[in-house]
Amino acid sequence: MTETPQRNPRPLRVLAAMSGGVDSAVAAARAAEAGHDVTGVHLALSANPQSFRTGARGCCTIEDSRDARRAADVIGIPFYVWDLAERFREDVVEDFVAEYEAGRTPNPCLRCNEKIKFAALLDKALALGFDAVCTGHYAQVIVNEDGTRELHRASDMAKDQSYVLGVLDDKQLAHAMFPLGDTVTTKDEIRAEAERRGLAVARKPDSHDICFIADGDTQGFLAGRLGRAEGDIVDESGTKVGTHEGAYGFTIGQRKGLRIGTPAPDGKPRYVLDISPVTNTVTVGPAASLDVSGLTAVKPRWCGAAPSGPGTYTAQLRAHGGETEVTAEPVDDDALDVTFTNPVRGVAPGQAIVLYDGTRVVGSATIASTRRATASVA
């Protein structure tokens, strides 16, 4: 079957999500230059935007909304600010807190793409008569001869963001536009393009942090929401080796900040192996004990038809991680069993696993549990 990059036979009514950063501004400009009828919108995601991260981060602050408005003025497109603060609080912030409280490690940016940009925003856009939502993500939509669409990695793997878009279903994919995904350009070239277009955000720093944690202190943020709860840090035998002020402050694979006074018998570093919110206990051990041979994931979302049986894919387990070969099989409509060809280290429940067939995104699911490798080498 022949595949071609996303092309549209007629101009579309496009709603461009403009964060206030350079990528979304250039994406909106490219969509307008392609002849589409583009309207810019900035999402107000906090009832108190001053509580979000400031300093030209390019996401959700008051200054970001102003940067987005200035960019829209330069491009020559209408611009609005939409208040989605309550939806963001419920679907992203509260989910983030609940996941950590349950001993899992969530990805709030992935949840924001699923629940806000391609659910709440897209639903509102379609209701208002728009054809597509445009963002500055680096990914590609491929249209097949039969009209079906596929989500693929960006042409430039160094900037690929398909991992955080792996939650998109068929309906959402049909109305998604990523103008930056099919061009092999460096970030410096994107910034140079923004300068040529007269966009003041050309040299604005990228956003890398969680936007709703203003000072970057995730543990402090969680402590403020969940309270401090002292518990034990134990080794694999159950022997107490330290204490903590809240199990939610740890993630699987963590090495720093354990505050363990007793050294390991072999003198080697210890890592977080398990987090039990029920007993408020954190288990630590050697790096080799982080190796897992497989996992069970829940709530799969497929970018197309769901696989009917086992298949061999590559999988990505973190937003900036590499790929690993796996065999995956749907157990039922709500679960996925995954086996790694080679053991993988430090996989945490709550993270997303995204499956790929070449560059095509097959789908994603949330890791519920892992199976420890029976034989590991440090």
Protein backbone atom coordinates (compact mmCIF):
# COMPACT_ATOMS: atom_id res chain seq x y z
CA MET A 1 0.00 0.00 0.00
CA THR A 2 1.40 3.39 -1.02
CA GLU A 3 1.92 5.88 1.77
CA THR A 4 2.29 9.63 1.37
CA PRO A 5 2.93 12.42 3.87
CA GLN A 6 -0.13 14.26 5.12
CA ARG A 7 -1.67 16.22 2.21
CA ASN A 8 -5.05 17.90 1.94
CA PRO A 9 -6.86 18.57 -1.38
CA ARG A 10 -8.51 21.73 -0.08
CA PRO A 11 -7.76 24.46 2.43
CA LEU A 12 -8.88 23.48 5.91
CA ARG A 13 -10.19 25.46 8.84
CA VAL A 14 -7.34 24.90 11.29
CA LEU A 15 -7.14 25.67 14.99
CA ALA A 16 -3.47 26.15 15.88
CA ALA A 17 -2.63 25.46 19.54
CA MET A 18 -0.04 28.14 20.33
CA SER A 19 1.84 27.57 23.59
CA GLY A 20 3.94 30.71 23.31
CA GLY A 21 7.00 28.75 22.19
CA VAL A 22 8.87 28.73 18.91
CA ASP A 23 7.71 25.32 17.63
CA SER A 24 3.98 26.01 17.83
CA ALA A 25 4.47 29.49 16.33
CA VAL A 26 6.35 28.13 13.31
CA ALA A 27 3.79 25.32 12.94
CA ALA A 28 0.96 27.87 12.84
CA ALA A 29 2.89 29.99 10.34
CA ARG A 30 3.51 27.00 8.06
CA ALA A 31 -0.16 26.00 8.19
CA ALA A 32 -1.20 29.54 7.21
CA GLU A 33 1.43 29.69 4.48
CA ALA A 34 0.06 26.40 3.06
CA GLY A 35 -3.22 28.19 2.43
CA HIS A 36 -5.26 26.96 5.37
CA ASP A 37 -7.68 29.22 7.25
CA VAL A 38 -5.84 29.29 10.58
CA THR A 39 -6.96 30.59 13.95
CA GLY A 40 -4.55 30.64 16.88
CA VAL A 41 -5.57 29.68 20.39
CA HIS A 42 -3.63 29.68 23.64
CA LEU A 43 -4.84 27.37 26.40
CA ALA A 44 -5.15 28.95 29.84
CA LEU A 45 -4.45 25.90 32.00
CA SER A 46 -4.32 27.44 35.46
CA ALA A 47 -6.81 29.53 37.41
CA ASN A 48 -3.69 31.29 38.70
CA PRO A 49 -1.18 31.37 35.82
CA GLN A 50 1.40 33.04 38.05
CA SER A 51 1.65 29.72 39.93
CA PHE A 52 2.97 28.06 36.78
CA ARG A 53 6.60 28.07 35.79
CA THR A 54 7.83 31.45 34.57
CA GLY A 55 10.96 32.73 32.87
CA ALA A 56 10.10 32.24 29.18
CA ARG A 57 9.55 28.51 29.50
CA GLY A 58 7.14 28.27 26.57
CA CYS A 59 4.08 26.56 28.01
CA CYS A 60 1.37 27.90 30.28
CA THR A 61 2.22 31.26 31.89
CA ILE A 62 0.82 34.75 31.37
CA GLU A 63 3.94 35.75 29.46
CA ASP A 64 3.49 32.70 27.24
CA SER A 65 -0.02 33.80 26.29
CA ARG A 66 1.35 37.23 25.40
CA ASP A 67 4.11 35.68 23.30
CA ALA A 68 1.54 33.55 21.50
CA ARG A 69 -0.65 36.59 20.79
CA ARG A 70 2.30 38.53 19.38
CA ALA A 71 3.21 35.59 17.15
CA ALA A 72 -0.38 35.35 15.86
CA ASP A 73 -0.33 39.07 15.07
CA VAL A 74 2.86 38.67 13.03
CA ILE A 75 1.46 35.64 11.17
CA GLY A 76 -1.76 37.58 10.55
CA ILE A 77 -4.25 35.14 12.06
CA PRO A 78 -7.06 35.61 14.59
CA PHE A 79 -6.12 34.70 18.15
CA TYR A 80 -8.05 33.68 21.26
CA VAL A 81 -7.32 32.46 24.79
CA TRP A 82 -9.47 29.52 25.92
CA ASP A 83 -9.88 28.70 29.59
CA LEU A 84 -9.36 24.97 30.14
CA ALA A 85 -8.00 25.34 33.68
CA GLU A 86 -10.67 23.21 35.38
CA ARG A 87 -10.36 20.41 32.84
CA PHE A 88 -6.55 20.53 33.12
CA ARG A 89 -6.73 20.38 36.92
CA GLU A 90 -9.00 17.34 36.87
CA ASP A 91 -7.46 15.37 34.01
CA VAL A 92 -3.77 16.19 34.37
CA VAL A 93 -2.85 17.64 37.78
CA GLU A 94 -5.14 15.47 39.90
CA ASP A 95 -4.25 12.41 37.84
CA PHE A 96 -0.56 13.18 38.40
CA VAL A 97 -1.04 13.35 42.18
CA ALA A 98 -3.21 10.22 42.29
CA GLU A 99 -0.70 8.20 40.29
CA TYR A 100 2.19 9.10 42.59
CA GLU A 101 0.01 8.38 45.61
CA ALA A 102 -0.60 4.91 44.18
CA GLY A 103 3.13 4.30 43.78
CA ARG A 104 3.22 4.86 40.03
CA THR A 105 5.24 7.26 37.85
CA PRO A 106 3.00 9.20 35.43
CA ASN A 107 3.84 11.30 32.37
CA PRO A 108 1.74 14.49 32.63
CA CYS A 109 2.67 15.74 29.14
CA LEU A 110 1.31 12.54 27.58
CA ARG A 111 -1.87 12.88 29.63
CA CYS A 112 -2.20 16.52 28.54
CA ASN A 113 -1.98 15.52 24.88
CA GLU A 114 -4.62 12.84 25.38
CA LYS A 115 -7.09 14.67 27.58
CA ILE A 116 -6.57 18.35 26.75
CA LYS A 117 -5.07 19.03 23.32
CA PHE A 118 -6.66 16.13 21.46
CA ALA A 119 -9.82 15.63 23.50
CA ALA A 120 -11.13 18.81 25.15
CA LEU A 121 -9.55 21.15 22.58
CA LEU A 122 -10.33 18.98 19.56
CA ASP A 123 -13.92 18.41 20.65
CA LYS A 124 -14.45 22.15 21.00
CA ALA A 125 -12.72 22.81 17.68
CA LEU A 126 -14.93 20.34 15.82
CA ALA A 127 -18.04 21.77 17.47
CA LEU A 128 -17.05 25.20 16.15
CA GLY A 129 -16.57 23.90 12.61
CA PHE A 130 -12.80 23.52 12.49
CA ASP A 131 -11.36 20.64 10.47
CA ALA A 132 -8.10 20.08 12.33
CA VAL A 133 -5.98 20.98 15.33
CA CYS A 134 -2.41 21.99 14.53
CA THR A 135 0.43 21.70 17.06
CA GLY A 136 4.19 22.08 17.04
CA HIS A 137 4.88 18.42 17.80
CA TYR A 138 7.55 16.63 15.79
CA ALA A 139 5.65 13.67 14.30
CA GLN A 140 4.07 12.75 10.97
CA VAL A 141 0.58 11.80 9.84
CA ILE A 142 0.70 9.50 6.81
CA VAL A 143 -2.37 9.11 4.60
CA ASN A 144 -2.76 5.77 2.81
CA GLU A 145 -4.39 5.27 -0.58
CA ASP A 146 -7.58 4.02 1.10
CA GLY A 147 -7.79 7.21 3.19
CA THR A 148 -6.74 5.64 6.48
CA ARG A 149 -4.18 7.53 8.52
CA GLU A 150 -1.12 6.46 10.43
CA LEU A 151 1.03 8.21 13.00
CA HIS A 152 4.76 7.98 12.30
CA ARG A 153 7.94 9.21 13.88
CA ALA A 154 9.28 12.59 12.76
CA SER A 155 11.76 12.65 9.91
CA ASP A 156 14.40 13.86 12.37
CA MET A 157 14.68 11.20 15.08
CA ALA A 158 16.58 13.61 17.33
CA LYS A 159 13.41 15.69 17.73
CA ASP A 160 10.79 12.96 17.42
CA GLN A 161 7.85 13.38 19.83
CA SER A 162 5.64 10.52 18.66
CA TYR A 163 5.97 8.86 22.09
CA VAL A 164 3.81 11.49 23.79
CA LEU A 165 1.30 11.28 20.91
CA GLY A 166 0.91 7.50 21.11
CA VAL A 167 -2.38 8.00 23.00
CA LEU A 168 -4.17 9.37 19.90
CA ASP A 169 -6.96 7.23 18.52
CA ASP A 170 -8.30 7.12 14.94
CA LYS A 171 -10.74 9.99 15.37
CA GLN A 172 -8.16 12.26 16.93
CA LEU A 173 -5.53 11.33 14.35
CA ALA A 174 -7.95 12.17 11.54
CA HIS A 175 -8.04 15.78 12.75
CA ALA A 176 -4.38 16.23 13.77
CA MET A 177 -1.87 18.34 11.87
CA PHE A 178 1.88 18.41 12.61
CA PRO A 179 3.57 20.81 10.14
CA LEU A 180 7.04 20.30 11.64
CA GLY A 181 7.18 16.51 11.49
CA ASP A 182 8.07 15.81 7.87
CA THR A 183 10.99 18.22 7.54
CA VAL A 184 14.54 17.26 8.46
CA THR A 185 15.63 20.44 10.18
CA THR A 186 17.60 21.17 13.31
CA LYS A 187 16.18 23.25 16.15
CA ASP A 188 18.59 26.02 15.15
CA GLU A 189 17.03 25.98 11.67
CA ILE A 190 13.54 26.21 13.17
CA ARG A 191 14.70 29.20 15.19
CA ALA A 192 16.26 30.74 12.08
CA GLU A 193 12.96 30.27 10.25
CA ALA A 194 11.14 31.97 13.10
CA GLU A 195 13.53 34.90 12.86
CA ARG A 196 12.97 35.16 9.09
CA ARG A 197 9.25 35.26 9.77
CA GLY A 198 9.72 38.02 12.34
CA LEU A 199 8.58 35.91 15.28
CA ALA A 200 9.95 37.26 18.56
CA VAL A 201 9.93 33.77 20.12
CA ALA A 202 12.78 32.69 17.83
CA ARG A 203 15.30 32.61 20.70
CA LYS A 204 12.93 31.67 23.51
CA PRO A 205 14.21 28.73 25.61
CA ASP A 206 12.45 25.39 25.28
CA SER A 207 10.21 24.07 28.04
CA HIS A 208 11.49 20.88 29.68
CA ASP A 209 9.86 20.90 33.10
CA ILE A 210 6.41 20.13 34.50
CA CYS A 211 4.52 23.36 33.90
CA PHE A 212 2.29 23.20 36.99
CA ILE A 213 5.19 22.75 39.43
CA ALA A 214 6.44 26.32 39.54
CA ASP A 215 9.73 25.76 41.36
CA GLY A 216 10.56 22.38 39.81
CA ASP A 217 10.37 20.63 43.20
CA THR A 218 8.16 17.64 42.40
CA GLN A 219 8.63 16.04 45.82
CA GLY A 220 7.74 19.30 47.58
CA PHE A 221 4.66 19.71 45.38
CA LEU A 222 3.48 16.19 46.19
CA ALA A 223 4.17 16.68 49.90
CA GLY A 224 2.00 19.78 49.85
CA ARG A 225 -0.86 17.83 48.26
CA LEU A 226 -0.47 14.49 50.03
CA GLY A 227 1.19 15.44 53.32
CA ARG A 228 4.34 13.97 54.79
CA ALA A 229 4.11 10.33 55.86
CA GLU A 230 7.24 8.76 57.33
CA GLY A 231 7.92 5.16 56.36
CA ASP A 232 10.68 2.61 56.06
CA ILE A 233 13.28 2.04 53.37
CA VAL A 234 14.14 -1.67 53.31
CA ASP A 235 16.46 -3.92 51.34
CA GLU A 236 15.39 -7.01 49.41
CA SER A 237 15.49 -9.12 52.56
CA GLY A 238 13.12 -6.72 54.34
CA THR A 239 15.80 -5.28 56.62
CA LYS A 240 15.25 -1.59 57.42
CA VAL A 241 18.10 0.55 56.06
CA GLY A 242 16.57 4.01 56.31
CA THR A 243 13.41 6.13 56.51
CA HIS A 244 11.56 8.45 54.16
CA GLU A 245 8.93 11.19 54.44
CA GLY A 246 6.57 9.83 51.80
CA ALA A 247 6.81 6.89 49.42
CA TYR A 248 5.32 9.08 46.69
CA GLY A 249 8.63 10.94 46.55
CA PHE A 250 10.42 8.01 44.88
CA THR A 251 10.47 6.44 41.43
CA ILE A 252 11.62 3.02 40.27
CA GLY A 253 15.30 3.13 39.33
CA GLN A 254 16.05 6.19 41.48
CA ARG A 255 19.55 6.30 42.92
CA LYS A 256 20.06 9.80 44.30
CA GLY A 257 18.37 11.21 47.38
CA LEU A 258 17.75 7.89 49.12
CA ARG A 259 19.43 9.04 52.35
CA ILE A 260 20.43 5.54 53.37
CA GLY A 261 22.88 5.56 56.25
CA THR A 262 23.84 1.89 56.02
CA PRO A 263 26.10 0.97 53.06
CA ALA A 264 25.28 -2.04 50.92
CA PRO A 265 27.25 -5.21 51.81
CA ASP A 266 29.07 -5.08 48.46
CA GLY A 267 29.64 -1.34 48.69
CA LYS A 268 27.81 -0.71 45.41
CA PRO A 269 25.04 1.87 44.92
CA ARG A 270 21.45 0.92 45.65
CA TYR A 271 18.40 1.82 43.61
CA VAL A 272 14.67 1.97 44.23
CA LEU A 273 13.22 -1.42 43.24
CA ASP A 274 9.67 -1.17 44.51
CA ILE A 275 7.24 1.32 46.06
CA SER A 276 4.39 0.07 48.23
CA PRO A 277 1.81 2.78 49.00
CA VAL A 278 -0.17 0.33 51.16
CA THR A 279 2.66 -0.19 53.65
CA ASN A 280 4.38 3.11 52.79
CA THR A 281 7.57 1.15 52.20
CA VAL A 282 10.33 1.73 49.65
CA THR A 283 12.50 -1.27 48.70
CA VAL A 284 16.04 -0.73 47.46
CA GLY A 285 18.66 -3.06 46.02
CA PRO A 286 21.40 -3.53 43.42
CA ALA A 287 21.15 -2.31 39.83
CA ALA A 288 20.82 -5.88 38.51
CA SER A 289 17.54 -6.26 40.36
CA LEU A 290 16.04 -3.54 38.19
CA ASP A 291 16.13 -5.83 35.14
CA VAL A 292 12.70 -6.91 33.94
CA SER A 293 11.82 -9.46 31.28
CA GLY A 294 8.26 -8.36 30.60
CA LEU A 295 5.27 -6.36 31.75
CA THR A 296 1.53 -6.07 31.75
CA ALA A 297 0.03 -2.81 30.51
CA VAL A 298 -3.57 -1.59 30.71
CA LYS A 299 -5.87 0.83 28.90
CA PRO A 300 -4.36 0.31 25.45
CA ARG A 301 -5.07 2.95 22.82
CA TRP A 302 -4.51 1.97 19.20
CA CYS A 303 -3.55 4.29 16.34
CA GLY A 304 -5.59 2.11 13.98
CA ALA A 305 -6.98 -1.39 14.29
CA ALA A 306 -6.00 -3.31 17.42
CA PRO A 307 -3.66 -6.28 16.82
CA SER A 308 -5.56 -9.57 16.69
CA GLY A 309 -2.72 -11.66 18.13
CA PRO A 310 0.93 -11.61 19.18
CA GLY A 311 3.34 -9.52 17.16
CA THR A 312 6.95 -8.38 17.19
CA TYR A 313 7.50 -4.66 17.60
CA THR A 314 9.93 -2.15 18.98
CA ALA A 315 8.88 -0.35 22.13
CA GLN A 316 9.75 2.98 23.70
CA LEU A 317 9.33 3.29 27.46
CA ARG A 318 10.28 6.90 28.11
CA ALA A 319 9.82 10.18 26.26
CA HIS A 320 13.55 10.45 25.59
CA GLY A 321 14.43 6.76 25.69
CA GLY A 322 15.59 4.40 22.99
CA GLU A 323 13.78 1.47 21.41
CA THR A 324 13.84 -2.15 22.48
CA GLU A 325 12.49 -5.23 20.70
CA VAL A 326 9.39 -6.83 22.22
CA THR A 327 6.66 -9.37 21.60
CA ALA A 328 3.27 -7.95 22.50
CA GLU A 329 -0.17 -9.53 22.60
CA PRO A 330 -3.55 -8.10 23.64
CA VAL A 331 -4.90 -10.15 26.55
CA ASP A 332 -8.35 -8.58 26.24
CA ASP A 333 -9.75 -5.17 25.35
CA ASP A 334 -8.14 -3.61 28.41
CA ALA A 335 -4.76 -5.31 28.81
CA LEU A 336 -1.56 -6.00 26.91
CA ASP A 337 1.14 -8.57 27.68
CA VAL A 338 4.67 -7.60 26.65
CA THR A 339 7.85 -9.67 26.68
CA PHE A 340 11.26 -8.09 26.08
CA THR A 341 13.72 -9.84 23.76
CA ASN A 342 16.46 -8.71 26.16
CA PRO A 343 15.94 -7.61 29.78
CA VAL A 344 15.29 -3.90 30.27
CA ARG A 345 16.32 -1.97 33.36
CA GLY A 346 14.29 0.39 35.51
CA VAL A 347 10.75 0.10 34.10
CA ALA A 348 8.20 1.82 36.36
CA PRO A 349 4.46 1.22 36.65
CA GLY A 350 2.56 4.29 35.51
CA GLN A 351 4.86 4.95 32.59
CA ALA A 352 3.59 4.55 29.05
CA ILE A 353 4.82 1.90 26.66
CA VAL A 354 4.47 2.87 23.00
CA LEU A 355 4.72 0.18 20.31
CA TYR A 356 6.20 0.81 16.87
CA ASP A 357 6.23 -1.08 13.59
CA GLY A 358 9.19 0.57 11.91
CA THR A 359 8.40 4.27 12.21
CA ARG A 360 4.64 3.70 12.56
CA VAL A 361 3.06 4.11 15.98
CA VAL A 362 0.94 1.03 16.62
CA GLY A 363 -0.46 2.16 19.95
CA SER A 364 0.27 2.76 23.61
CA ALA A 365 -0.72 1.49 27.04
CA THR A 366 -0.01 2.28 30.69
CA ILE A 367 2.39 -0.06 32.48
CA ALA A 368 0.58 -1.76 35.38
CA SER A 369 3.15 -4.33 36.56
CA THR A 370 6.51 -5.79 35.57
CA ARG A 371 8.11 -9.23 35.64
CA ARG A 372 11.61 -9.33 37.05
CA ALA A 373 14.26 -11.08 34.98
CA THR A 374 15.22 -14.41 36.57
CA ALA A 375 18.89 -13.99 35.81
CA SER A 376 20.56 -10.59 35.75
CA VAL A 377 24.09 -9.39 35.35
CA ALA A 378 25.08 -6.15 37.03
